[in-house]
Amino acid sequence: METILLFNFFGPEMIVIFFAILLLFGGKKIPELMRGIGKGIREFNTARSTIESELKEGMNETERKEAEKKREKTAE
């Protein structure tokens, strides 16, 4: 089975990409750029985990309500 990778970069391609980034942003801007990317990734992960926990909490609440309804029906 053949696997297709979206970002399949090795040796020469990485050197060309690094050189292009260096030319576009300059040596002084690269650390600032990386800091910004790191912040963005951190914020994304925080938002993702918040949404996951809210969804799990909502699902647990729904399951709890359904279980209570079943108990009420069996008690009648």
Protein backbone atom coordinates (compact mmCIF):
# COMPACT_ATOMS: atom_id res chain seq x y z
CA MET A 1 0.00 0.00 0.00
CA GLU A 2 1.38 3.39 -0.96
CA THR A 3 1.26 6.25 1.55
CA ILE A 4 1.06 9.83 0.32
CA LEU A 5 2.48 12.39 2.72
CA LEU A 6 1.33 16.00 2.53
CA PHE A 7 4.62 17.45 3.75
CA ASN A 8 7.26 15.05 2.52
CA PHE A 9 10.37 17.26 2.67
CA PHE A 10 13.92 15.96 2.97
CA GLY A 11 17.47 17.34 2.65
CA PRO A 12 17.61 19.69 -0.36
CA GLU A 13 13.99 20.81 -0.06
CA MET A 14 14.45 21.77 3.59
CA ILE A 15 17.58 23.77 2.75
CA VAL A 16 15.73 25.69 0.02
CA ILE A 17 12.77 26.37 2.34
CA PHE A 18 15.07 27.54 5.16
CA PHE A 19 16.97 29.80 2.77
CA ALA A 20 13.70 31.31 1.46
CA ILE A 21 12.51 32.00 5.01
CA LEU A 22 15.86 33.59 5.84
CA LEU A 23 15.63 35.84 2.78
CA LEU A 24 12.01 36.83 3.43
CA PHE A 25 12.22 37.55 7.14
CA GLY A 26 15.89 38.15 7.83
CA GLY A 27 17.95 36.76 10.68
CA LYS A 28 16.61 39.17 13.30
CA LYS A 29 12.92 38.49 12.59
CA ILE A 30 13.07 34.67 12.68
CA PRO A 31 13.08 34.33 16.52
CA GLU A 32 10.13 36.73 16.71
CA LEU A 33 8.31 34.75 14.02
CA MET A 34 8.94 31.45 15.85
CA ARG A 35 7.70 32.98 19.13
CA GLY A 36 4.50 34.05 17.41
CA ILE A 37 3.99 30.61 15.90
CA GLY A 38 4.59 29.01 19.32
CA LYS A 39 2.02 31.30 20.94
CA GLY A 40 -0.50 30.50 18.24
CA ILE A 41 -0.01 26.75 18.65
CA ARG A 42 -0.30 27.07 22.45
CA GLU A 43 -3.54 29.06 22.16
CA PHE A 44 -4.93 26.55 19.67
CA ASN A 45 -4.16 23.62 21.97
CA THR A 46 -5.72 25.43 24.95
CA ALA A 47 -8.90 26.15 22.98
CA ARG A 48 -9.02 22.56 21.71
CA SER A 49 -8.70 21.06 25.19
CA THR A 50 -11.35 23.47 26.53
CA ILE A 51 -13.79 22.45 23.81
CA GLU A 52 -13.03 18.75 24.39
CA SER A 53 -13.71 19.04 28.11
CA GLU A 54 -16.96 20.95 27.51
CA LEU A 55 -18.14 18.32 25.03
CA LYS A 56 -17.30 15.48 27.42
CA GLU A 57 -19.07 17.28 30.25
CA GLY A 58 -22.15 17.80 28.07
CA MET A 59 -22.19 14.15 27.01
CA ASN A 60 -21.87 13.00 30.62
CA GLU A 61 -24.72 15.29 31.64
CA THR A 62 -26.93 13.94 28.84
CA GLU A 63 -26.16 10.35 29.85
CA ARG A 64 -26.93 11.19 33.48
CA LYS A 65 -30.32 12.69 32.53
CA GLU A 66 -31.20 9.66 30.37
CA ALA A 67 -30.30 7.31 33.24
CA GLU A 68 -32.51 9.32 35.62
CA LYS A 69 -35.44 9.13 33.17
CA LYS A 70 -35.03 5.35 32.91
CA ARG A 71 -34.95 5.03 36.69
CA GLU A 72 -38.11 7.14 36.98
CA LYS A 73 -39.90 5.00 34.39
CA THR A 74 -38.92 1.76 36.13
CA ALA A 75 -39.95 3.17 39.52
CA GLU A 76 -43.48 3.91 38.25
